Amino acid sequence: MTPTMLYVTAGSEAEAKTVARALVESRLAACANVIPGMASLYWWEGAVHEESEAVLIVKTRDDLVERAVAKIKEVHSYDCPCVVALPIAGGNPDFLNWIDKETTQ
């Protein structure tokens, strides 16, 4: 098991919580943190946009990333949601073991 964090953005705090709940309830994530109030500037369909978004930080395992991405795309409102997987190189072993224990086996 390699613990992995997913960085996800959402259009609102409510949407981020909906995505987080879907991941945790389906055991694709042990935990998800929602950080509201991020300002995002990005290219989309030929123009620069500026919007308020929420950040979702998800703790999961590398072998669940593909399924987690599929679940995010299923419940997310964006056509192309930002989902980036980052391996966790280290940390509190008890916490990392908890991630493994609380996700789908």
Foldseek 3Di string as FASTA:
>chain_A
DWKKKKKWKAQFQVLLVVLQCQCLVQQQFVGKDKAFFDWDWDDDPHDIDIGGIIIIITIAHPVSLVVSVVSCCVSGPDPDIRIDMDTDPDDDPVVNVSGVVRHDD
